[in-house]
Amino acid sequence: MPTVIFQERVRDYSAWRSGFDGNESQRAEFGCTNARVYRNADDENDLLVMADFADEARAREFVEVVRKVQEAAGVIMSTVSVRILPRE
C-alpha cells in the first residue's frame, strides 16, 4: 500500500480545505484511504498532505488528476513537491 505525499503552499487554507473536504468521494474512487493534512505551525498555508492508496498504479493516476486541479484550488504550483512511497 503506497503513500503519496504532497508538500505545497496554498493561497488561503480555509478555501483550499473546503475543496479538499468536498473531494473525498473522488479520492475514494482511486482507492485512497487515510488522507491527512498537516500544517506548518508557523504558517497555516504551508501544507503536507499524506494519503494511502490500494496500489501504486492508482496512486499515480490520482496524482495526475490532482495536478490538473491544484492551481484552481489555490495551490501555488511552484511550491508543489510530490512523492510516492511504496510500502515495504
C-alpha atoms as a PDB file:
ATOM      1  CA  MET A   1       0.000   0.000   0.000  1.00  0.00           C
ATOM      2  CA  PRO A   2       1.869   3.117  -1.188  1.00  0.00           C
ATOM      3  CA  THR A   3       1.644   6.522   0.455  1.00  0.00           C
ATOM      4  CA  VAL A   4       1.514   9.710  -1.603  1.00  0.00           C
ATOM      5  CA  ILE A   5       2.958  12.848  -0.036  1.00  0.00           C
ATOM      6  CA  PHE A   6       2.167  16.317  -1.368  1.00  0.00           C
ATOM      7  CA  GLN A   7       4.147  19.224   0.057  1.00  0.00           C
ATOM      8  CA  GLU A   8       2.758  22.586  -1.069  1.00  0.00           C
ATOM      9  CA  ARG A   9       1.741  26.115  -0.197  1.00  0.00           C
ATOM     10  CA  VAL A  10      -1.766  27.420  -0.710  1.00  0.00           C
ATOM     11  CA  ARG A  11      -3.034  30.980  -1.016  1.00  0.00           C
ATOM     12  CA  ASP A  12      -5.860  30.542   1.511  1.00  0.00           C
ATOM     13  CA  TYR A  13      -6.025  27.469   3.729  1.00  0.00           C
ATOM     14  CA  SER A  14      -9.744  27.781   4.503  1.00  0.00           C
ATOM     15  CA  ALA A  15     -10.698  27.914   0.821  1.00  0.00           C
ATOM     16  CA  TRP A  16      -8.323  25.063  -0.033  1.00  0.00           C
ATOM     17  CA  ARG A  17      -9.635  22.943   2.863  1.00  0.00           C
ATOM     18  CA  SER A  18     -13.205  23.342   1.717  1.00  0.00           C
ATOM     19  CA  GLY A  19     -12.262  21.930  -1.691  1.00  0.00           C
ATOM     20  CA  PHE A  20     -10.200  19.141  -0.140  1.00  0.00           C
ATOM     21  CA  ASP A  21     -13.059  18.063   2.120  1.00  0.00           C
ATOM     22  CA  GLY A  22     -15.501  18.159  -0.803  1.00  0.00           C
ATOM     23  CA  ASN A  23     -13.221  15.855  -2.810  1.00  0.00           C
ATOM     24  CA  GLU A  24     -13.459  12.816  -0.534  1.00  0.00           C
ATOM     25  CA  SER A  25     -15.543  10.753  -2.954  1.00  0.00           C
ATOM     26  CA  GLN A  26     -13.058  11.291  -5.784  1.00  0.00           C
ATOM     27  CA  ARG A  27     -10.190  10.183  -3.549  1.00  0.00           C
ATOM     28  CA  ALA A  28     -12.164   7.050  -2.677  1.00  0.00           C
ATOM     29  CA  GLU A  29     -12.666   6.268  -6.389  1.00  0.00           C
ATOM     30  CA  PHE A  30      -8.878   5.959  -6.705  1.00  0.00           C
ATOM     31  CA  GLY A  31      -8.596   3.708  -3.644  1.00  0.00           C
ATOM     32  CA  CYS A  32      -7.357   6.468  -1.364  1.00  0.00           C
ATOM     33  CA  THR A  33      -7.625   5.854   2.362  1.00  0.00           C
ATOM     34  CA  ASN A  34      -6.389   7.663   5.420  1.00  0.00           C
ATOM     35  CA  ALA A  35      -5.910  11.100   3.812  1.00  0.00           C
ATOM     36  CA  ARG A  36      -4.455  13.513   6.332  1.00  0.00           C
ATOM     37  CA  VAL A  37      -3.383  17.135   6.258  1.00  0.00           C
ATOM     38  CA  TYR A  38      -0.624  18.690   8.331  1.00  0.00           C
ATOM     39  CA  ARG A  39       0.010  22.434   8.538  1.00  0.00           C
ATOM     40  CA  ASN A  40       3.211  24.178   9.460  1.00  0.00           C
ATOM     41  CA  ALA A  41       2.797  25.547  12.992  1.00  0.00           C
ATOM     42  CA  ASP A  42       4.291  28.865  11.872  1.00  0.00           C
ATOM     43  CA  ASP A  43       2.439  29.180   8.535  1.00  0.00           C
ATOM     44  CA  GLU A  44      -1.038  27.702   8.096  1.00  0.00           C
ATOM     45  CA  ASN A  45      -0.739  27.887   4.299  1.00  0.00           C
ATOM     46  CA  ASP A  46       2.308  25.572   4.236  1.00  0.00           C
ATOM     47  CA  LEU A  47       0.910  22.028   3.942  1.00  0.00           C
ATOM     48  CA  LEU A  48       1.927  18.415   3.951  1.00  0.00           C
ATOM     49  CA  VAL A  49      -0.808  16.086   2.682  1.00  0.00           C
ATOM     50  CA  MET A  50      -0.404  12.329   3.011  1.00  0.00           C
ATOM     51  CA  ALA A  51      -2.701   9.628   1.693  1.00  0.00           C
ATOM     52  CA  ASP A  52      -2.525   5.856   1.407  1.00  0.00           C
ATOM     53  CA  PHE A  53      -3.635   4.025  -1.745  1.00  0.00           C
ATOM     54  CA  ALA A  54      -4.591   0.455  -2.541  1.00  0.00           C
ATOM     55  CA  ASP A  55      -1.964   0.191  -5.289  1.00  0.00           C
ATOM     56  CA  GLU A  56       0.766   2.262  -6.892  1.00  0.00           C
ATOM     57  CA  ALA A  57      -0.798   2.485 -10.364  1.00  0.00           C
ATOM     58  CA  ARG A  58      -3.966   4.063  -8.953  1.00  0.00           C
ATOM     59  CA  ALA A  59      -1.882   6.400  -6.789  1.00  0.00           C
ATOM     60  CA  ARG A  60      -0.018   7.625  -9.880  1.00  0.00           C
ATOM     61  CA  GLU A  61      -3.306   8.140 -11.739  1.00  0.00           C
ATOM     62  CA  PHE A  62      -4.623  10.159  -8.809  1.00  0.00           C
ATOM     63  CA  VAL A  63      -1.537  12.381  -8.751  1.00  0.00           C
ATOM     64  CA  GLU A  64      -2.074  13.243 -12.427  1.00  0.00           C
ATOM     65  CA  VAL A  65      -5.725  14.127 -11.809  1.00  0.00           C
ATOM     66  CA  VAL A  66      -4.833  16.280  -8.802  1.00  0.00           C
ATOM     67  CA  ARG A  67      -2.129  18.156 -10.714  1.00  0.00           C
ATOM     68  CA  LYS A  68      -4.790  19.358 -13.147  1.00  0.00           C
ATOM     69  CA  VAL A  69      -6.940  20.972 -10.436  1.00  0.00           C
ATOM     70  CA  GLN A  70      -4.423  22.169  -7.850  1.00  0.00           C
ATOM     71  CA  GLU A  71      -3.980  25.685  -9.190  1.00  0.00           C
ATOM     72  CA  ALA A  72      -7.734  26.293  -9.299  1.00  0.00           C
ATOM     73  CA  ALA A  73      -7.862  25.096  -5.690  1.00  0.00           C
ATOM     74  CA  GLY A  74      -5.414  27.817  -4.648  1.00  0.00           C
ATOM     75  CA  VAL A  75      -2.195  25.800  -4.642  1.00  0.00           C
ATOM     76  CA  ILE A  76       0.916  27.802  -5.507  1.00  0.00           C
ATOM     77  CA  MET A  77       2.210  25.455  -8.198  1.00  0.00           C
ATOM     78  CA  SER A  78       5.864  26.455  -7.919  1.00  0.00           C
ATOM     79  CA  THR A  79       5.856  25.039  -4.374  1.00  0.00           C
ATOM     80  CA  VAL A  80       4.434  21.590  -5.141  1.00  0.00           C
ATOM     81  CA  SER A  81       6.510  18.502  -4.414  1.00  0.00           C
ATOM     82  CA  VAL A  82       5.011  15.008  -4.795  1.00  0.00           C
ATOM     83  CA  ARG A  83       6.474  11.725  -3.613  1.00  0.00           C
ATOM     84  CA  ILE A  84       5.053   8.252  -3.950  1.00  0.00           C
ATOM     85  CA  LEU A  85       6.477   5.953  -1.297  1.00  0.00           C
ATOM     86  CA  PRO A  86       5.947   2.221  -1.693  1.00  0.00           C
ATOM     87  CA  ARG A  87       5.263   0.309   1.465  1.00  0.00           C
ATOM     88  CA  GLU A  88       7.999  -2.240   2.108  1.00  0.00           C
END
